[in-house]
């Protein structure tokens, strides 16, 4: 996959044992694809490690993506987050150069309560595959017009003066899994008030039992 760069985002709030497991899963999924890591604490892997020296917030997610996208040289970028498990199927997808793409085959998993996978119909930055130049131009416009940049995922800037670009949802053969935990930026997660989607399962293909995934985190 020499036409895409992985932008890995972490604020180093996940347990160390999970971070090591997550790294091994991600590297298995991407092979020798170049990675730009962005972290609060220095990391010793990836092509480049950028340090996020500002307090974590939604705005910072987009600021860091823009930093990394400007360093990357490939036509495409893909976001990888430290609380999401990826499979190689996801990173094989390429949208048109005028379109943002978001993975729709995603199962959520709480790190508290009865371990249960759930599916809900929503998109996420951590599931984005995007043309690099398109992401740069959109993010620069966002910060120029709306410096706080709390506008949601790229291509979804409703109710703004942003020149909205096209977006799409794609479904890989193998799912990704995103974990909700107290170290996340979502206040509903830190307070454990987040609700599951109505489609639920204890076991899914490839990843297996939800209980076994949670054990790797807690």
N, C-alpha and C. Protein backbone atom coordinates (compact mmCIF):
# COMPACT_ATOMS: atom_id res chain seq x y z
N UNK A 1 0.85 -1.20 0.00
CA UNK A 1 0.00 0.00 0.00
C UNK A 1 0.88 1.24 0.00
N UNK A 2 1.52 1.50 -1.13
CA UNK A 2 2.46 2.61 -1.21
C UNK A 2 1.81 3.93 -1.60
N UNK A 3 0.46 3.97 -1.69
CA UNK A 3 -0.22 5.20 -2.05
C UNK A 3 -0.99 5.81 -0.87
N UNK A 4 -0.74 5.30 0.34
CA UNK A 4 -1.48 5.77 1.50
C UNK A 4 -0.55 5.87 2.71
N UNK A 5 -0.82 6.85 3.57
CA UNK A 5 -0.09 7.02 4.83
C UNK A 5 -1.08 6.90 5.98
N UNK A 6 -0.71 6.15 7.00
CA UNK A 6 -1.55 6.00 8.18
C UNK A 6 -1.18 7.10 9.18
N UNK A 7 -2.17 7.84 9.65
CA UNK A 7 -1.96 8.85 10.70
C UNK A 7 -2.51 8.27 11.99
N UNK A 8 -1.62 7.92 12.90
CA UNK A 8 -2.00 7.27 14.15
C UNK A 8 -2.08 8.32 15.27
N UNK A 9 -3.24 8.39 15.91
CA UNK A 9 -3.50 9.39 16.95
C UNK A 9 -3.62 8.73 18.32
N UNK A 10 -2.88 9.24 19.30
CA UNK A 10 -3.02 8.78 20.67
C UNK A 10 -2.70 9.93 21.63
N UNK A 11 -3.43 9.99 22.74
CA UNK A 11 -3.10 10.94 23.81
C UNK A 11 -2.59 10.17 25.02
N UNK A 12 -2.22 8.91 24.78
CA UNK A 12 -1.55 8.07 25.79
C UNK A 12 -2.36 7.87 27.06
N UNK A 13 -3.68 7.71 26.89
CA UNK A 13 -4.54 7.45 28.04
C UNK A 13 -5.01 6.00 28.11
N UNK A 14 -4.61 5.19 27.16
CA UNK A 14 -5.00 3.78 27.21
C UNK A 14 -3.96 3.00 28.00
N UNK A 15 -4.33 1.87 28.61
CA UNK A 15 -3.36 1.06 29.36
C UNK A 15 -2.18 0.63 28.49
N UNK A 16 -1.00 0.51 29.10
CA UNK A 16 0.20 0.16 28.34
C UNK A 16 0.07 -1.20 27.65
N UNK A 17 -0.55 -2.16 28.35
CA UNK A 17 -0.68 -3.49 27.74
C UNK A 17 -1.59 -3.43 26.51
N UNK A 18 -2.60 -2.58 26.55
CA UNK A 18 -3.46 -2.40 25.38
C UNK A 18 -2.69 -1.71 24.25
N UNK A 19 -1.90 -0.70 24.61
CA UNK A 19 -1.13 0.03 23.59
C UNK A 19 -0.23 -0.91 22.81
N UNK A 20 0.40 -1.86 23.51
CA UNK A 20 1.28 -2.81 22.83
C UNK A 20 0.49 -3.77 21.95
N UNK A 21 -0.64 -4.25 22.47
CA UNK A 21 -1.49 -5.13 21.68
C UNK A 21 -2.03 -4.40 20.45
N UNK A 22 -2.51 -3.18 20.67
CA UNK A 22 -3.05 -2.39 19.57
C UNK A 22 -2.00 -2.16 18.49
N UNK A 23 -0.79 -1.84 18.90
CA UNK A 23 0.29 -1.61 17.94
C UNK A 23 0.53 -2.85 17.09
N UNK A 24 0.55 -4.02 17.72
CA UNK A 24 0.80 -5.26 16.98
C UNK A 24 -0.33 -5.54 15.97
N UNK A 25 -1.57 -5.27 16.37
CA UNK A 25 -2.70 -5.48 15.48
C UNK A 25 -2.65 -4.51 14.30
N UNK A 26 -2.34 -3.24 14.60
CA UNK A 26 -2.28 -2.23 13.54
C UNK A 26 -1.17 -2.55 12.54
N UNK A 27 0.01 -2.89 13.04
CA UNK A 27 1.13 -3.17 12.13
C UNK A 27 0.86 -4.41 11.29
N UNK A 28 0.16 -5.38 11.85
CA UNK A 28 -0.22 -6.55 11.06
C UNK A 28 -1.18 -6.15 9.94
N UNK A 29 -2.05 -5.19 10.23
CA UNK A 29 -3.04 -4.75 9.24
C UNK A 29 -2.43 -3.94 8.11
N UNK A 30 -1.40 -3.16 8.42
CA UNK A 30 -0.88 -2.23 7.42
C UNK A 30 0.44 -2.66 6.79
N UNK A 31 1.10 -3.67 7.34
CA UNK A 31 2.36 -4.11 6.77
C UNK A 31 3.41 -3.01 6.81
N UNK A 32 4.04 -2.74 5.65
CA UNK A 32 5.09 -1.72 5.60
C UNK A 32 4.57 -0.36 5.14
N UNK A 33 3.26 -0.15 5.24
CA UNK A 33 2.68 1.16 4.91
C UNK A 33 3.26 2.22 5.84
N UNK A 34 3.64 3.41 5.33
CA UNK A 34 4.20 4.44 6.20
C UNK A 34 3.19 4.93 7.24
N UNK A 35 3.71 5.21 8.45
CA UNK A 35 2.89 5.67 9.56
C UNK A 35 3.47 6.96 10.12
N UNK A 36 2.63 7.94 10.33
CA UNK A 36 2.99 9.14 11.09
C UNK A 36 2.25 9.04 12.41
N UNK A 37 2.99 9.00 13.52
CA UNK A 37 2.36 8.90 14.83
C UNK A 37 2.28 10.29 15.47
N UNK A 38 1.17 10.53 16.17
CA UNK A 38 0.99 11.79 16.90
C UNK A 38 0.59 11.43 18.32
N UNK A 39 1.31 11.93 19.30
CA UNK A 39 1.12 11.48 20.67
C UNK A 39 1.45 12.59 21.66
N UNK A 40 0.97 12.41 22.89
CA UNK A 40 1.34 13.34 23.98
C UNK A 40 2.73 13.00 24.51
N UNK A 41 3.05 11.71 24.54
CA UNK A 41 4.36 11.24 24.97
C UNK A 41 5.10 10.68 23.76
N UNK A 42 6.41 10.81 23.72
CA UNK A 42 7.16 10.34 22.55
C UNK A 42 6.95 8.85 22.28
N UNK A 43 6.85 8.49 21.01
CA UNK A 43 6.76 7.11 20.58
C UNK A 43 7.99 6.79 19.73
N UNK A 44 8.44 5.54 19.80
CA UNK A 44 9.66 5.16 19.08
C UNK A 44 9.37 4.32 17.85
N UNK A 45 8.19 4.48 17.28
CA UNK A 45 7.88 3.75 16.06
C UNK A 45 7.14 4.67 15.10
N UNK A 46 7.09 4.26 13.84
CA UNK A 46 6.50 5.10 12.81
C UNK A 46 7.57 5.88 12.06
N UNK A 47 7.22 6.38 10.90
CA UNK A 47 8.15 7.15 10.07
C UNK A 47 8.51 8.46 10.74
N UNK A 48 7.52 9.12 11.34
CA UNK A 48 7.70 10.39 12.04
C UNK A 48 6.82 10.36 13.28
N UNK A 49 7.30 10.90 14.39
CA UNK A 49 6.49 11.05 15.60
C UNK A 49 6.34 12.53 15.92
N UNK A 50 5.10 13.02 15.84
CA UNK A 50 4.79 14.39 16.19
C UNK A 50 4.25 14.42 17.62
N UNK A 51 4.63 15.43 18.38
CA UNK A 51 4.17 15.56 19.75
C UNK A 51 3.04 16.58 19.83
N UNK A 52 1.93 16.17 20.41
CA UNK A 52 0.81 17.08 20.66
C UNK A 52 1.06 17.77 21.99
N UNK A 53 1.40 19.05 21.95
CA UNK A 53 1.77 19.75 23.19
C UNK A 53 0.62 20.58 23.76
N UNK A 54 -0.57 20.47 23.17
CA UNK A 54 -1.74 21.17 23.68
C UNK A 54 -2.68 20.18 24.35
N UNK A 55 -3.58 20.72 25.17
CA UNK A 55 -4.50 19.85 25.88
C UNK A 55 -5.45 19.14 24.91
N UNK A 56 -5.71 17.86 25.15
CA UNK A 56 -6.59 17.10 24.24
C UNK A 56 -8.01 17.68 24.20
N UNK A 57 -8.55 17.80 23.00
CA UNK A 57 -9.92 18.24 22.79
C UNK A 57 -10.28 17.91 21.35
N UNK A 58 -11.53 18.10 21.00
CA UNK A 58 -11.98 17.77 19.64
C UNK A 58 -11.22 18.61 18.61
N UNK A 59 -11.03 19.88 18.90
CA UNK A 59 -10.31 20.75 17.97
C UNK A 59 -8.91 20.21 17.68
N UNK A 60 -8.26 19.70 18.71
CA UNK A 60 -6.91 19.19 18.54
C UNK A 60 -6.84 17.99 17.61
N UNK A 61 -7.89 17.20 17.56
CA UNK A 61 -7.91 16.07 16.64
C UNK A 61 -7.68 16.56 15.22
N UNK A 62 -8.41 17.61 14.84
CA UNK A 62 -8.32 18.12 13.48
C UNK A 62 -7.00 18.86 13.25
N UNK A 63 -6.51 19.54 14.26
CA UNK A 63 -5.23 20.23 14.12
C UNK A 63 -4.10 19.24 13.88
N UNK A 64 -4.13 18.14 14.61
CA UNK A 64 -3.08 17.14 14.47
C UNK A 64 -3.19 16.40 13.13
N UNK A 65 -4.40 16.12 12.70
CA UNK A 65 -4.56 15.50 11.38
C UNK A 65 -3.99 16.40 10.29
N UNK A 66 -4.23 17.70 10.39
CA UNK A 66 -3.70 18.64 9.40
C UNK A 66 -2.18 18.66 9.44
N UNK A 67 -1.59 18.67 10.63
CA UNK A 67 -0.12 18.63 10.74
C UNK A 67 0.46 17.42 10.01
N UNK A 68 -0.12 16.27 10.28
CA UNK A 68 0.40 15.04 9.70
C UNK A 68 0.15 14.97 8.20
N UNK A 69 -1.02 15.42 7.75
CA UNK A 69 -1.35 15.37 6.33
C UNK A 69 -0.37 16.21 5.51
N UNK A 70 0.10 17.30 6.08
CA UNK A 70 1.06 18.16 5.37
C UNK A 70 2.44 17.52 5.28
N UNK A 71 2.74 16.62 6.20
CA UNK A 71 4.03 15.92 6.17
C UNK A 71 3.97 14.73 5.21
N UNK A 72 2.83 14.06 5.17
CA UNK A 72 2.69 12.89 4.29
C UNK A 72 2.88 13.28 2.83
N UNK A 73 3.25 12.32 2.02
CA UNK A 73 3.50 12.58 0.60
C UNK A 73 2.65 11.70 -0.31
N UNK A 74 1.86 10.82 0.26
CA UNK A 74 1.06 9.89 -0.53
C UNK A 74 -0.27 10.53 -0.95
N UNK A 75 -0.91 9.99 -1.99
CA UNK A 75 -2.19 10.55 -2.42
C UNK A 75 -3.30 10.42 -1.38
N UNK A 76 -3.22 9.38 -0.54
CA UNK A 76 -4.27 9.13 0.44
C UNK A 76 -3.72 9.08 1.86
N UNK A 77 -4.61 9.36 2.82
CA UNK A 77 -4.30 9.17 4.23
C UNK A 77 -5.44 8.36 4.85
N UNK A 78 -5.12 7.69 5.95
CA UNK A 78 -6.15 6.99 6.73
C UNK A 78 -5.86 7.24 8.20
N UNK A 79 -6.90 7.46 8.97
CA UNK A 79 -6.75 7.73 10.39
C UNK A 79 -6.82 6.42 11.17
N UNK A 80 -5.94 6.28 12.15
CA UNK A 80 -5.98 5.14 13.07
C UNK A 80 -5.94 5.70 14.49
N UNK A 81 -6.89 5.30 15.32
CA UNK A 81 -6.96 5.77 16.69
C UNK A 81 -6.56 4.67 17.66
N UNK A 82 -6.09 5.06 18.85
CA UNK A 82 -5.50 4.09 19.78
C UNK A 82 -6.51 3.19 20.47
N UNK A 83 -7.80 3.48 20.34
CA UNK A 83 -8.82 2.64 20.95
C UNK A 83 -9.66 1.90 19.91
N UNK A 84 -9.12 1.77 18.70
CA UNK A 84 -9.83 1.11 17.61
C UNK A 84 -8.94 0.03 17.00
N UNK A 85 -9.48 -1.16 16.84
CA UNK A 85 -8.76 -2.27 16.22
C UNK A 85 -9.12 -2.35 14.74
N UNK A 86 -8.09 -2.45 13.90
CA UNK A 86 -8.26 -2.41 12.46
C UNK A 86 -7.84 -3.72 11.80
N UNK A 87 -8.41 -3.96 10.64
CA UNK A 87 -8.04 -5.10 9.81
C UNK A 87 -7.57 -4.57 8.46
N UNK A 88 -6.75 -5.34 7.77
CA UNK A 88 -6.18 -4.88 6.50
C UNK A 88 -7.24 -4.56 5.45
N UNK A 89 -8.41 -5.20 5.54
CA UNK A 89 -9.46 -4.92 4.56
C UNK A 89 -9.81 -3.43 4.53
N UNK A 90 -9.84 -2.82 5.71
CA UNK A 90 -10.22 -1.41 5.81
C UNK A 90 -9.26 -0.51 5.03
N UNK A 91 -7.98 -0.74 5.19
CA UNK A 91 -6.99 0.14 4.59
C UNK A 91 -6.79 -0.10 3.10
N UNK A 92 -7.45 -1.10 2.55
CA UNK A 92 -7.34 -1.37 1.11
C UNK A 92 -8.29 -0.52 0.28
N UNK A 93 -9.25 0.15 0.93
CA UNK A 93 -10.25 0.91 0.18
C UNK A 93 -9.71 2.27 -0.24
N UNK A 94 -10.09 2.71 -1.47
CA UNK A 94 -9.70 4.02 -1.98
C UNK A 94 -10.92 4.73 -2.56
N UNK A 95 -11.31 5.85 -2.01
CA UNK A 95 -12.41 6.63 -2.60
C UNK A 95 -11.91 7.47 -3.77
N UNK A 96 -12.81 8.04 -4.56
CA UNK A 96 -12.38 9.00 -5.58
C UNK A 96 -11.64 10.17 -4.93
N UNK A 97 -10.85 10.88 -5.70
CA UNK A 97 -10.01 11.95 -5.15
C UNK A 97 -10.80 13.18 -4.71
N UNK A 98 -12.10 13.20 -4.95
CA UNK A 98 -12.93 14.32 -4.50
C UNK A 98 -13.89 13.92 -3.38
N UNK A 99 -13.63 12.77 -2.73
CA UNK A 99 -14.60 12.21 -1.80
C UNK A 99 -13.94 11.67 -0.54
N UNK A 100 -14.53 11.97 0.62
CA UNK A 100 -14.12 11.36 1.88
C UNK A 100 -14.85 10.04 2.04
N UNK A 101 -14.17 9.05 2.61
CA UNK A 101 -14.80 7.74 2.82
C UNK A 101 -14.70 7.34 4.29
N UNK A 102 -15.77 6.76 4.81
CA UNK A 102 -15.83 6.32 6.20
C UNK A 102 -16.30 4.87 6.26
N UNK A 103 -15.59 4.08 7.03
CA UNK A 103 -15.94 2.67 7.21
C UNK A 103 -17.26 2.53 7.95
N UNK A 104 -18.17 1.74 7.38
CA UNK A 104 -19.45 1.50 8.03
C UNK A 104 -19.51 0.20 8.79
N UNK A 105 -18.54 -0.68 8.56
CA UNK A 105 -18.53 -1.98 9.25
C UNK A 105 -17.74 -1.83 10.54
N UNK A 106 -18.39 -1.26 11.54
CA UNK A 106 -17.74 -0.94 12.83
C UNK A 106 -18.62 -1.44 13.97
N UNK A 107 -18.00 -2.12 14.91
CA UNK A 107 -18.69 -2.56 16.11
C UNK A 107 -18.09 -1.82 17.31
N UNK A 108 -18.96 -1.30 18.17
CA UNK A 108 -18.51 -0.68 19.40
C UNK A 108 -18.42 -1.70 20.52
N UNK A 109 -17.68 -1.35 21.58
CA UNK A 109 -17.51 -2.26 22.71
C UNK A 109 -17.16 -1.44 23.95
N UNK A 110 -17.98 -1.54 24.98
CA UNK A 110 -17.69 -0.85 26.24
C UNK A 110 -16.65 -1.64 27.03
N UNK A 111 -15.80 -0.93 27.78
CA UNK A 111 -14.84 -1.59 28.65
C UNK A 111 -15.42 -1.81 30.04
N UNK A 112 -16.70 -1.53 30.23
CA UNK A 112 -17.39 -1.77 31.50
C UNK A 112 -18.66 -2.57 31.21
N UNK A 113 -19.23 -3.13 32.24
CA UNK A 113 -20.46 -3.89 32.07
C UNK A 113 -20.22 -5.24 31.42
N UNK A 114 -21.29 -5.87 30.95
CA UNK A 114 -21.19 -7.16 30.26
C UNK A 114 -20.59 -6.96 28.88
N UNK A 115 -19.46 -7.57 28.58
CA UNK A 115 -18.81 -7.35 27.29
C UNK A 115 -19.74 -7.70 26.12
N UNK A 116 -20.10 -6.70 25.34
CA UNK A 116 -21.07 -6.87 24.26
C UNK A 116 -20.71 -5.97 23.09
N UNK A 117 -20.55 -6.54 21.92
CA UNK A 117 -20.39 -5.72 20.72
C UNK A 117 -21.73 -5.08 20.37
N UNK A 118 -21.67 -3.87 19.79
CA UNK A 118 -22.90 -3.25 19.31
C UNK A 118 -22.60 -2.46 18.03
N UNK A 119 -23.60 -2.33 17.21
CA UNK A 119 -23.47 -1.58 15.95
C UNK A 119 -24.44 -0.41 15.97
N UNK A 120 -23.97 0.75 15.53
CA UNK A 120 -24.85 1.92 15.37
C UNK A 120 -24.48 2.63 14.08
N UNK A 121 -25.46 3.26 13.48
CA UNK A 121 -25.30 3.87 12.16
C UNK A 121 -24.74 5.28 12.29
N UNK A 122 -23.42 5.38 12.48
CA UNK A 122 -22.79 6.69 12.55
C UNK A 122 -21.36 6.58 12.02
N UNK A 123 -20.79 7.72 11.62
CA UNK A 123 -19.44 7.73 11.10
C UNK A 123 -18.47 8.25 12.16
N UNK A 124 -17.18 8.07 11.90
CA UNK A 124 -16.17 8.47 12.88
C UNK A 124 -14.87 8.83 12.17
N UNK A 125 -14.15 9.82 12.74
CA UNK A 125 -12.83 10.17 12.21
C UNK A 125 -11.90 8.97 12.17
N UNK A 126 -12.01 8.11 13.20
CA UNK A 126 -11.13 6.97 13.28
C UNK A 126 -11.38 5.92 12.22
N UNK A 127 -12.39 6.12 11.40
CA UNK A 127 -12.72 5.18 10.32
C UNK A 127 -12.57 5.83 8.95
N UNK A 128 -11.84 6.93 8.87
CA UNK A 128 -11.77 7.70 7.62
C UNK A 128 -10.58 7.30 6.75
N UNK A 129 -10.85 7.16 5.46
CA UNK A 129 -9.84 7.07 4.41
C UNK A 129 -10.11 8.23 3.48
N UNK A 130 -9.08 9.06 3.21
CA UNK A 130 -9.35 10.31 2.49
C UNK A 130 -8.21 10.68 1.55
N UNK A 131 -8.54 11.36 0.46
CA UNK A 131 -7.49 11.97 -0.36
C UNK A 131 -6.74 13.02 0.47
N UNK A 132 -5.44 12.97 0.46
CA UNK A 132 -4.64 13.84 1.33
C UNK A 132 -4.84 15.32 1.02
N UNK A 133 -4.76 15.69 -0.24
CA UNK A 133 -4.88 17.11 -0.60
C UNK A 133 -6.28 17.64 -0.30
N UNK A 134 -7.28 16.80 -0.45
CA UNK A 134 -8.65 17.20 -0.12
C UNK A 134 -8.77 17.48 1.37
N UNK A 135 -8.18 16.63 2.19
CA UNK A 135 -8.23 16.82 3.64
C UNK A 135 -7.51 18.10 4.05
N UNK A 136 -6.37 18.36 3.45
CA UNK A 136 -5.61 19.58 3.78
C UNK A 136 -6.42 20.82 3.44
N UNK A 137 -6.99 20.88 2.24
CA UNK A 137 -7.73 22.07 1.83
C UNK A 137 -8.96 22.28 2.70
N UNK A 138 -9.66 21.20 3.03
CA UNK A 138 -10.85 21.33 3.87
C UNK A 138 -10.51 21.78 5.28
N UNK A 139 -9.46 21.20 5.86
CA UNK A 139 -9.08 21.57 7.23
C UNK A 139 -8.56 23.00 7.30
N UNK A 140 -7.80 23.42 6.30
CA UNK A 140 -7.34 24.82 6.29
C UNK A 140 -8.51 25.78 6.21
N UNK A 141 -9.51 25.44 5.40
CA UNK A 141 -10.69 26.29 5.30
C UNK A 141 -11.45 26.30 6.62
N UNK A 142 -11.56 25.17 7.25
CA UNK A 142 -12.23 25.09 8.54
C UNK A 142 -11.59 26.02 9.57
N UNK A 143 -10.28 25.93 9.71
CA UNK A 143 -9.59 26.73 10.72
C UNK A 143 -9.63 28.22 10.39
N UNK A 144 -9.68 28.54 9.11
CA UNK A 144 -9.77 29.95 8.71
C UNK A 144 -11.14 30.53 9.04
N UNK A 145 -12.19 29.78 8.74
CA UNK A 145 -13.55 30.28 8.94
C UNK A 145 -14.07 30.03 10.36
N UNK A 146 -13.72 28.89 10.94
CA UNK A 146 -14.22 28.49 12.25
C UNK A 146 -13.05 27.98 13.08
N UNK A 147 -12.28 28.86 13.71
CA UNK A 147 -11.05 28.46 14.42
C UNK A 147 -11.26 27.37 15.46
N UNK A 148 -12.46 27.33 16.08
CA UNK A 148 -12.69 26.29 17.09
C UNK A 148 -12.81 24.90 16.45
N UNK A 149 -13.24 24.83 15.21
CA UNK A 149 -13.27 23.62 14.40
C UNK A 149 -13.98 22.44 15.08
N UNK A 150 -15.10 22.71 15.72
CA UNK A 150 -15.91 21.64 16.30
C UNK A 150 -17.07 21.31 15.35
N UNK A 151 -16.74 20.96 14.12
CA UNK A 151 -17.75 20.86 13.08
C UNK A 151 -18.08 19.42 12.69
N UNK A 152 -17.52 18.46 13.39
CA UNK A 152 -17.78 17.08 13.04
C UNK A 152 -16.85 16.58 11.94
N UNK A 153 -17.14 15.41 11.44
CA UNK A 153 -16.27 14.76 10.46
C UNK A 153 -16.19 15.56 9.16
N UNK A 154 -15.09 15.38 8.45
CA UNK A 154 -14.88 16.07 7.19
C UNK A 154 -15.96 15.68 6.18
N UNK A 155 -16.47 16.69 5.50
CA UNK A 155 -17.54 16.46 4.55
C UNK A 155 -18.93 16.54 5.17
N UNK A 156 -19.00 16.76 6.49
CA UNK A 156 -20.29 16.78 7.20
C UNK A 156 -20.54 18.12 7.88
N UNK A 157 -20.05 19.20 7.31
CA UNK A 157 -20.12 20.52 7.95
C UNK A 157 -21.46 21.20 7.69
N UNK A 158 -22.51 20.65 8.22
CA UNK A 158 -23.84 21.21 8.01
C UNK A 158 -23.99 22.54 8.74
N UNK A 159 -24.76 23.45 8.12
CA UNK A 159 -25.05 24.72 8.76
C UNK A 159 -23.87 25.66 8.83
N UNK A 160 -22.89 25.51 7.94
CA UNK A 160 -21.72 26.37 7.92
C UNK A 160 -21.52 26.94 6.52
N UNK A 161 -20.53 27.79 6.38
CA UNK A 161 -20.17 28.35 5.08
C UNK A 161 -19.04 27.55 4.42
N UNK A 162 -18.71 26.41 5.03
CA UNK A 162 -17.66 25.57 4.48
C UNK A 162 -18.10 25.00 3.13
N UNK A 163 -17.16 24.95 2.20
CA UNK A 163 -17.41 24.31 0.91
C UNK A 163 -17.41 22.80 1.12
N UNK A 164 -18.58 22.24 1.39
CA UNK A 164 -18.67 20.82 1.73
C UNK A 164 -18.28 19.94 0.54
N UNK A 165 -17.48 18.94 0.84
CA UNK A 165 -17.06 17.98 -0.17
C UNK A 165 -17.92 16.72 -0.07
N UNK A 166 -17.80 15.89 -1.08
CA UNK A 166 -18.58 14.66 -1.08
C UNK A 166 -18.02 13.67 -0.06
N UNK A 167 -18.91 12.85 0.49
CA UNK A 167 -18.49 11.79 1.41
C UNK A 167 -19.29 10.54 1.12
N UNK A 168 -18.76 9.41 1.55
CA UNK A 168 -19.40 8.13 1.29
C UNK A 168 -19.11 7.18 2.45
N UNK A 169 -19.92 6.15 2.56
CA UNK A 169 -19.69 5.08 3.52
C UNK A 169 -19.39 3.81 2.75
N UNK A 170 -18.37 3.08 3.19
CA UNK A 170 -18.04 1.80 2.56
C UNK A 170 -18.02 0.72 3.64
N UNK A 171 -18.14 -0.52 3.22
CA UNK A 171 -18.21 -1.64 4.16
C UNK A 171 -17.17 -2.69 3.78
N UNK A 172 -16.18 -2.85 4.63
CA UNK A 172 -15.17 -3.88 4.40
C UNK A 172 -15.71 -5.25 4.78
N UNK A 173 -15.05 -6.29 4.31
CA UNK A 173 -15.48 -7.64 4.67
C UNK A 173 -15.30 -7.92 6.15
N UNK A 174 -14.24 -7.35 6.73
CA UNK A 174 -13.95 -7.56 8.15
C UNK A 174 -14.20 -6.27 8.91
N UNK A 175 -14.80 -6.39 10.07
CA UNK A 175 -15.16 -5.20 10.86
C UNK A 175 -13.95 -4.60 11.56
N UNK A 176 -14.08 -3.35 11.95
CA UNK A 176 -13.20 -2.74 12.93
C UNK A 176 -13.96 -2.66 14.25
N UNK A 177 -13.23 -2.53 15.34
CA UNK A 177 -13.84 -2.46 16.67
C UNK A 177 -13.34 -1.20 17.36
N UNK A 178 -14.26 -0.39 17.88
CA UNK A 178 -13.85 0.79 18.65
C UNK A 178 -14.32 0.63 20.09
N UNK A 179 -13.41 0.91 21.02
CA UNK A 179 -13.70 0.73 22.44
C UNK A 179 -14.07 2.05 23.10
N UNK A 180 -15.06 2.01 23.96
CA UNK A 180 -15.41 3.16 24.80
C UNK A 180 -14.76 2.95 26.17
N UNK A 181 -14.07 3.97 26.68
CA UNK A 181 -13.33 3.82 27.94
C UNK A 181 -13.25 5.17 28.63
N UNK A 182 -12.86 5.18 29.88
CA UNK A 182 -12.87 6.40 30.66
C UNK A 182 -11.82 7.41 30.22
N UNK A 183 -10.84 7.00 29.45
CA UNK A 183 -9.81 7.92 28.99
C UNK A 183 -10.15 8.62 27.69
N UNK A 184 -11.33 8.35 27.12
CA UNK A 184 -11.72 8.98 25.87
C UNK A 184 -12.15 10.42 26.05
N UNK A 185 -12.29 11.13 24.94
CA UNK A 185 -12.69 12.53 24.98
C UNK A 185 -14.20 12.72 25.11
N UNK A 186 -14.96 11.68 24.84
CA UNK A 186 -16.42 11.76 24.93
C UNK A 186 -16.85 11.73 26.40
N UNK A 187 -17.50 12.79 26.91
CA UNK A 187 -17.92 12.79 28.31
C UNK A 187 -18.91 11.68 28.64
N UNK A 188 -19.65 11.20 27.65
CA UNK A 188 -20.57 10.10 27.90
C UNK A 188 -19.82 8.81 28.18
N UNK A 189 -18.61 8.71 27.66
CA UNK A 189 -17.79 7.52 27.94
C UNK A 189 -17.17 7.62 29.33
N UNK A 190 -16.59 8.76 29.65
CA UNK A 190 -15.93 8.90 30.96
C UNK A 190 -16.92 8.77 32.11
N UNK A 191 -18.19 9.14 31.86
CA UNK A 191 -19.22 9.01 32.90
C UNK A 191 -20.00 7.70 32.79
N UNK A 192 -19.67 6.90 31.78
CA UNK A 192 -20.33 5.61 31.54
C UNK A 192 -21.83 5.76 31.31
N UNK A 193 -22.22 6.85 30.67
CA UNK A 193 -23.63 7.09 30.35
C UNK A 193 -23.92 6.84 28.88
N UNK A 194 -22.94 6.41 28.13
CA UNK A 194 -23.12 6.17 26.71
C UNK A 194 -24.01 4.94 26.50
N UNK A 195 -24.90 5.01 25.53
CA UNK A 195 -25.83 3.91 25.27
C UNK A 195 -25.35 3.06 24.10
N UNK A 196 -25.61 1.77 24.17
CA UNK A 196 -25.28 0.86 23.08
C UNK A 196 -26.26 1.03 21.92
N UNK A 197 -25.82 0.65 20.73
CA UNK A 197 -26.73 0.53 19.61
C UNK A 197 -27.62 -0.69 19.81
N UNK A 198 -28.71 -0.77 19.07
CA UNK A 198 -29.68 -1.84 19.28
C UNK A 198 -29.25 -3.18 18.69
N UNK A 199 -28.35 -3.16 17.71
CA UNK A 199 -27.83 -4.41 17.15
C UNK A 199 -26.64 -4.85 17.98
N UNK A 200 -26.73 -5.99 18.64
CA UNK A 200 -25.71 -6.41 19.59
C UNK A 200 -25.31 -7.86 19.36
N UNK A 201 -24.09 -8.19 19.84
CA UNK A 201 -23.58 -9.55 19.69
C UNK A 201 -22.51 -9.79 20.74
N UNK A 202 -22.36 -11.05 21.17
CA UNK A 202 -21.28 -11.41 22.08
C UNK A 202 -20.04 -11.88 21.34
N UNK A 203 -20.23 -12.26 20.07
CA UNK A 203 -19.13 -12.77 19.27
C UNK A 203 -19.32 -12.33 17.82
N UNK A 204 -18.24 -11.92 17.15
CA UNK A 204 -18.31 -11.55 15.74
C UNK A 204 -17.15 -12.21 14.99
N UNK A 205 -17.28 -12.38 13.67
CA UNK A 205 -16.21 -13.01 12.88
C UNK A 205 -14.88 -12.28 13.03
N UNK A 206 -13.81 -13.03 12.95
CA UNK A 206 -12.42 -12.61 13.02
C UNK A 206 -11.98 -12.24 14.44
N UNK A 207 -12.73 -11.36 15.12
CA UNK A 207 -12.31 -10.88 16.43
C UNK A 207 -12.72 -11.80 17.57
N UNK A 208 -13.76 -12.59 17.37
CA UNK A 208 -14.16 -13.54 18.39
C UNK A 208 -15.00 -12.95 19.50
N UNK A 209 -14.80 -13.45 20.72
CA UNK A 209 -15.61 -13.08 21.86
C UNK A 209 -15.31 -11.65 22.33
N UNK A 210 -16.36 -10.89 22.60
CA UNK A 210 -16.19 -9.53 23.12
C UNK A 210 -15.43 -9.55 24.44
N UNK A 211 -15.70 -10.55 25.26
CA UNK A 211 -15.05 -10.65 26.57
C UNK A 211 -13.54 -10.73 26.44
N UNK A 212 -13.06 -11.43 25.43
CA UNK A 212 -11.60 -11.59 25.26
C UNK A 212 -10.95 -10.27 24.83
N UNK A 213 -11.64 -9.47 24.04
CA UNK A 213 -11.10 -8.16 23.65
C UNK A 213 -11.03 -7.23 24.86
N UNK A 214 -12.07 -7.20 25.66
CA UNK A 214 -12.08 -6.34 26.84
C UNK A 214 -10.97 -6.73 27.81
N UNK A 215 -10.69 -8.02 27.95
CA UNK A 215 -9.62 -8.48 28.84
C UNK A 215 -8.27 -7.90 28.45
N UNK A 216 -8.10 -7.64 27.17
CA UNK A 216 -6.82 -7.09 26.71
C UNK A 216 -6.68 -5.62 27.07
N UNK A 217 -7.81 -4.99 27.43
CA UNK A 217 -7.79 -3.56 27.76
C UNK A 217 -7.72 -3.32 29.27
N UNK A 218 -8.55 -4.03 30.02
CA UNK A 218 -8.64 -3.74 31.46
C UNK A 218 -7.62 -4.54 32.28
